[in-house]
């Protein structure tokens, strides 16, 4: 069985930061065949980091904490979803994130 974007768009991660909860839904836009902003920024930094975008901002400036948190939460979700597909029902513990299944 493969993971569909629809399933991933229903799952979110919550942060475990001591200063307050941050709800991250890294695959929310993927269900509409659209890429999330963090994914677009990641690819801009990866492929065109020294170039400027249409607003005059260098792409490397998009490498920020917000986009990193979304990317890490996406990785955390994918690892857990693949483990579940493989028959491992235990959720991988994280010091940063916890998984929320949205309805």
N, C-alpha and C. Protein backbone atom coordinates (compact mmCIF):
# COMPACT_ATOMS: atom_id res chain seq x y z
N UNK A 1 0.84 -1.18 0.00
CA UNK A 1 0.00 0.00 0.00
C UNK A 1 0.88 1.24 0.00
N UNK A 2 0.51 2.23 -0.74
CA UNK A 2 1.29 3.45 -0.79
C UNK A 2 0.57 4.57 -0.05
N UNK A 3 1.32 5.56 0.36
CA UNK A 3 0.74 6.70 1.07
C UNK A 3 0.16 7.68 0.08
N UNK A 4 -1.06 8.07 0.28
CA UNK A 4 -1.65 9.06 -0.62
C UNK A 4 -1.53 10.45 0.00
N UNK A 5 -1.50 11.46 -0.85
CA UNK A 5 -1.44 12.83 -0.36
C UNK A 5 -2.68 13.16 0.45
N UNK A 6 -3.82 12.55 0.10
CA UNK A 6 -5.04 12.83 0.84
C UNK A 6 -4.89 12.40 2.30
N UNK A 7 -4.34 11.21 2.52
CA UNK A 7 -4.14 10.73 3.88
C UNK A 7 -3.16 11.64 4.62
N UNK A 8 -2.06 12.00 3.96
CA UNK A 8 -1.06 12.86 4.60
C UNK A 8 -1.62 14.24 4.91
N UNK A 9 -2.55 14.72 4.11
CA UNK A 9 -3.10 16.05 4.35
C UNK A 9 -4.00 16.08 5.58
N UNK A 10 -4.42 14.92 6.07
CA UNK A 10 -5.27 14.85 7.25
C UNK A 10 -4.49 14.71 8.54
N UNK A 11 -3.18 14.54 8.43
CA UNK A 11 -2.35 14.32 9.61
C UNK A 11 -1.53 15.57 9.87
N UNK A 12 -1.47 15.95 11.12
CA UNK A 12 -0.66 17.11 11.48
C UNK A 12 0.27 16.74 12.62
N UNK A 13 1.24 17.58 12.85
CA UNK A 13 2.12 17.41 14.00
C UNK A 13 1.96 18.63 14.88
N UNK A 14 2.04 18.40 16.15
CA UNK A 14 2.06 19.49 17.10
C UNK A 14 3.44 19.55 17.72
N UNK A 15 3.89 20.73 18.01
CA UNK A 15 5.21 20.87 18.61
C UNK A 15 5.14 20.59 20.11
N UNK A 16 6.27 20.26 20.67
CA UNK A 16 6.38 20.05 22.11
C UNK A 16 7.25 21.15 22.72
N UNK A 17 7.15 22.34 22.21
CA UNK A 17 7.98 23.43 22.70
C UNK A 17 7.46 23.94 24.04
N UNK A 18 8.35 24.32 24.93
CA UNK A 18 7.89 24.79 26.25
C UNK A 18 7.20 26.15 26.19
N UNK A 19 7.29 26.86 25.08
CA UNK A 19 6.73 28.21 24.98
C UNK A 19 5.36 28.23 24.32
N UNK A 20 4.84 27.11 23.99
CA UNK A 20 3.52 27.07 23.39
C UNK A 20 3.44 26.11 22.22
N UNK A 21 2.26 25.63 21.97
CA UNK A 21 2.00 24.66 20.90
C UNK A 21 1.98 25.34 19.54
N UNK A 22 2.61 24.72 18.57
CA UNK A 22 2.56 25.17 17.18
C UNK A 22 2.00 24.00 16.38
N UNK A 23 0.92 24.21 15.67
CA UNK A 23 0.32 23.15 14.87
C UNK A 23 0.90 23.22 13.46
N UNK A 24 1.50 22.13 13.01
CA UNK A 24 2.12 22.06 11.69
C UNK A 24 1.39 21.01 10.86
N UNK A 25 0.94 21.39 9.68
CA UNK A 25 0.29 20.47 8.75
C UNK A 25 1.08 20.54 7.44
N UNK A 26 2.21 19.84 7.38
CA UNK A 26 3.12 20.03 6.24
C UNK A 26 2.58 19.61 4.89
N UNK A 27 1.61 18.71 4.86
CA UNK A 27 1.09 18.23 3.57
C UNK A 27 -0.31 18.75 3.25
N UNK A 28 -0.74 19.80 3.92
CA UNK A 28 -2.11 20.30 3.77
C UNK A 28 -2.44 20.65 2.32
N UNK A 29 -1.57 21.38 1.63
CA UNK A 29 -1.86 21.81 0.26
C UNK A 29 -1.63 20.70 -0.77
N UNK A 30 -0.92 19.65 -0.40
CA UNK A 30 -0.61 18.60 -1.36
C UNK A 30 -1.85 17.88 -1.87
N UNK A 31 -2.93 17.86 -1.10
CA UNK A 31 -4.13 17.13 -1.53
C UNK A 31 -4.78 17.78 -2.74
N UNK A 32 -4.52 19.05 -2.97
CA UNK A 32 -5.08 19.76 -4.12
C UNK A 32 -4.08 19.85 -5.27
N UNK A 33 -3.12 18.93 -5.32
CA UNK A 33 -2.06 18.92 -6.33
C UNK A 33 -1.28 20.22 -6.35
N UNK A 34 -1.12 20.80 -5.20
CA UNK A 34 -0.35 22.02 -5.05
C UNK A 34 0.74 21.75 -4.02
N UNK A 35 1.87 22.40 -4.15
CA UNK A 35 2.94 22.24 -3.19
C UNK A 35 2.80 23.26 -2.07
N UNK A 36 3.20 22.86 -0.88
CA UNK A 36 3.19 23.77 0.25
C UNK A 36 4.30 24.81 0.10
N UNK A 37 4.14 25.92 0.80
CA UNK A 37 5.13 26.99 0.73
C UNK A 37 6.50 26.52 1.19
N UNK A 38 6.55 25.68 2.25
CA UNK A 38 7.85 25.22 2.73
C UNK A 38 8.55 24.35 1.68
N UNK A 39 7.78 23.59 0.91
CA UNK A 39 8.36 22.73 -0.13
C UNK A 39 8.90 23.58 -1.28
N UNK A 40 8.16 24.61 -1.67
CA UNK A 40 8.62 25.52 -2.72
C UNK A 40 9.89 26.24 -2.28
N UNK A 41 9.91 26.68 -1.02
CA UNK A 41 11.10 27.36 -0.50
C UNK A 41 12.30 26.42 -0.46
N UNK A 42 12.07 25.19 -0.03
CA UNK A 42 13.14 24.19 0.01
C UNK A 42 13.77 24.01 -1.37
N UNK A 43 12.93 23.86 -2.39
CA UNK A 43 13.44 23.67 -3.74
C UNK A 43 14.13 24.92 -4.28
N UNK A 44 13.63 26.10 -3.91
CA UNK A 44 14.28 27.34 -4.33
C UNK A 44 15.68 27.45 -3.72
N UNK A 45 15.77 27.10 -2.44
CA UNK A 45 17.08 27.15 -1.77
C UNK A 45 18.01 26.10 -2.36
N UNK A 46 17.48 24.92 -2.63
CA UNK A 46 18.30 23.82 -3.15
C UNK A 46 18.83 24.10 -4.55
N UNK A 47 17.99 24.63 -5.42
CA UNK A 47 18.37 24.77 -6.82
C UNK A 47 18.81 26.17 -7.24
N UNK A 48 18.33 27.20 -6.55
CA UNK A 48 18.59 28.58 -6.99
C UNK A 48 18.97 29.49 -5.84
N UNK A 49 19.75 29.00 -4.89
CA UNK A 49 19.98 29.76 -3.66
C UNK A 49 20.57 31.14 -3.86
N UNK A 50 21.38 31.34 -4.89
CA UNK A 50 22.05 32.65 -5.08
C UNK A 50 21.28 33.58 -6.00
N UNK A 51 20.13 33.15 -6.47
CA UNK A 51 19.31 34.00 -7.34
C UNK A 51 18.21 34.68 -6.52
N UNK A 52 17.64 35.73 -7.08
CA UNK A 52 16.56 36.45 -6.43
C UNK A 52 15.21 36.03 -7.02
N UNK A 53 14.19 36.07 -6.19
CA UNK A 53 12.84 35.80 -6.69
C UNK A 53 12.24 37.07 -7.27
N UNK A 54 10.98 37.00 -7.67
CA UNK A 54 10.33 38.14 -8.32
C UNK A 54 10.19 39.36 -7.41
N UNK A 55 10.26 39.16 -6.09
CA UNK A 55 10.17 40.28 -5.16
C UNK A 55 11.54 40.82 -4.75
N UNK A 56 12.61 40.25 -5.32
CA UNK A 56 13.96 40.75 -5.05
C UNK A 56 14.65 40.12 -3.85
N UNK A 57 14.06 39.06 -3.31
CA UNK A 57 14.65 38.38 -2.15
C UNK A 57 15.47 37.18 -2.64
N UNK A 58 16.70 37.05 -2.12
CA UNK A 58 17.50 35.88 -2.45
C UNK A 58 16.82 34.62 -1.92
N UNK A 59 16.90 33.56 -2.70
CA UNK A 59 16.25 32.31 -2.30
C UNK A 59 16.85 31.74 -1.02
N UNK A 60 18.15 31.95 -0.76
CA UNK A 60 18.74 31.40 0.45
C UNK A 60 18.13 32.00 1.71
N UNK A 61 17.49 33.16 1.60
CA UNK A 61 16.84 33.77 2.76
C UNK A 61 15.57 33.01 3.18
N UNK A 62 15.13 32.11 2.33
CA UNK A 62 13.97 31.29 2.66
C UNK A 62 14.34 30.09 3.53
N UNK A 63 15.62 29.91 3.76
CA UNK A 63 16.08 28.84 4.65
C UNK A 63 15.96 29.35 6.08
N UNK A 64 14.75 29.25 6.63
CA UNK A 64 14.49 29.81 7.95
C UNK A 64 13.91 28.73 8.87
N UNK A 65 13.77 29.09 10.13
CA UNK A 65 13.31 28.13 11.13
C UNK A 65 11.91 27.60 10.83
N UNK A 66 11.03 28.45 10.36
CA UNK A 66 9.67 28.02 10.04
C UNK A 66 9.68 26.90 8.99
N UNK A 67 10.42 27.10 7.91
CA UNK A 67 10.47 26.09 6.85
C UNK A 67 11.17 24.81 7.31
N UNK A 68 12.19 24.96 8.15
CA UNK A 68 12.88 23.78 8.69
C UNK A 68 11.93 22.97 9.58
N UNK A 69 11.14 23.65 10.41
CA UNK A 69 10.18 22.94 11.27
C UNK A 69 9.15 22.18 10.45
N UNK A 70 8.67 22.80 9.37
CA UNK A 70 7.73 22.10 8.49
C UNK A 70 8.38 20.89 7.83
N UNK A 71 9.61 21.05 7.37
CA UNK A 71 10.31 19.93 6.72
C UNK A 71 10.56 18.80 7.70
N UNK A 72 10.99 19.12 8.91
CA UNK A 72 11.24 18.08 9.92
C UNK A 72 9.94 17.39 10.34
N UNK A 73 8.87 18.17 10.46
CA UNK A 73 7.60 17.54 10.83
C UNK A 73 7.10 16.63 9.70
N UNK A 74 7.35 17.02 8.45
CA UNK A 74 6.98 16.18 7.31
C UNK A 74 7.77 14.87 7.34
N UNK A 75 9.06 14.96 7.62
CA UNK A 75 9.88 13.76 7.71
C UNK A 75 9.40 12.86 8.84
N UNK A 76 9.10 13.44 9.98
CA UNK A 76 8.60 12.67 11.12
C UNK A 76 7.30 11.95 10.77
N UNK A 77 6.38 12.65 10.09
CA UNK A 77 5.13 12.02 9.67
C UNK A 77 5.38 10.88 8.69
N UNK A 78 6.23 11.12 7.70
CA UNK A 78 6.50 10.09 6.69
C UNK A 78 7.12 8.84 7.29
N UNK A 79 8.08 9.03 8.18
CA UNK A 79 8.71 7.87 8.82
C UNK A 79 7.66 7.05 9.57
N UNK A 80 6.80 7.73 10.31
CA UNK A 80 5.77 7.00 11.07
C UNK A 80 4.74 6.35 10.17
N UNK A 81 4.37 7.01 9.08
CA UNK A 81 3.38 6.43 8.17
C UNK A 81 3.96 5.22 7.43
N UNK A 82 5.21 5.28 7.04
CA UNK A 82 5.85 4.15 6.37
C UNK A 82 5.98 2.98 7.34
N UNK A 83 6.38 3.27 8.57
CA UNK A 83 6.46 2.21 9.59
C UNK A 83 5.10 1.53 9.76
N UNK A 84 4.04 2.34 9.78
CA UNK A 84 2.69 1.78 9.94
C UNK A 84 2.35 0.88 8.75
N UNK A 85 2.71 1.32 7.53
CA UNK A 85 2.48 0.50 6.33
C UNK A 85 3.25 -0.82 6.41
N UNK A 86 4.39 -0.80 7.10
CA UNK A 86 5.22 -2.00 7.22
C UNK A 86 4.77 -2.90 8.38
N UNK A 87 3.72 -2.49 9.09
CA UNK A 87 3.19 -3.30 10.17
C UNK A 87 3.70 -2.94 11.55
N UNK A 88 4.48 -1.89 11.66
CA UNK A 88 4.97 -1.44 12.96
C UNK A 88 3.98 -0.40 13.49
N UNK A 89 3.27 -0.74 14.54
CA UNK A 89 2.21 0.15 15.03
C UNK A 89 2.68 1.15 16.08
N UNK A 90 3.89 1.00 16.58
CA UNK A 90 4.40 1.94 17.57
C UNK A 90 4.81 3.24 16.89
N UNK A 91 4.41 4.36 17.47
CA UNK A 91 4.80 5.67 16.94
C UNK A 91 6.19 6.00 17.43
N UNK A 92 7.03 6.40 16.52
CA UNK A 92 8.39 6.80 16.85
C UNK A 92 8.34 8.02 17.76
N UNK A 93 8.99 7.94 18.90
CA UNK A 93 8.99 9.06 19.84
C UNK A 93 9.86 10.20 19.33
N UNK A 94 9.43 11.41 19.62
CA UNK A 94 10.16 12.61 19.22
C UNK A 94 10.18 13.59 20.37
N UNK A 95 11.28 14.29 20.52
CA UNK A 95 11.37 15.35 21.51
C UNK A 95 10.77 16.65 21.00
N UNK A 96 10.53 16.74 19.68
CA UNK A 96 10.02 17.96 19.08
C UNK A 96 8.54 17.91 18.70
N UNK A 97 8.07 16.74 18.25
CA UNK A 97 6.74 16.66 17.65
C UNK A 97 5.89 15.57 18.27
N UNK A 98 4.58 15.74 18.12
CA UNK A 98 3.62 14.69 18.41
C UNK A 98 2.61 14.68 17.26
N UNK A 99 2.07 13.53 16.96
CA UNK A 99 1.17 13.38 15.81
C UNK A 99 -0.27 13.57 16.24
N UNK A 100 -1.02 14.33 15.43
CA UNK A 100 -2.46 14.52 15.60
C UNK A 100 -3.16 14.05 14.33
N UNK A 101 -4.16 13.21 14.46
CA UNK A 101 -4.93 12.76 13.31
C UNK A 101 -6.18 13.62 13.23
N UNK A 102 -6.25 14.46 12.21
CA UNK A 102 -7.39 15.37 12.04
C UNK A 102 -8.54 14.65 11.38
N UNK A 103 -9.72 15.10 11.64
CA UNK A 103 -10.92 14.49 11.06
C UNK A 103 -11.28 15.20 9.78
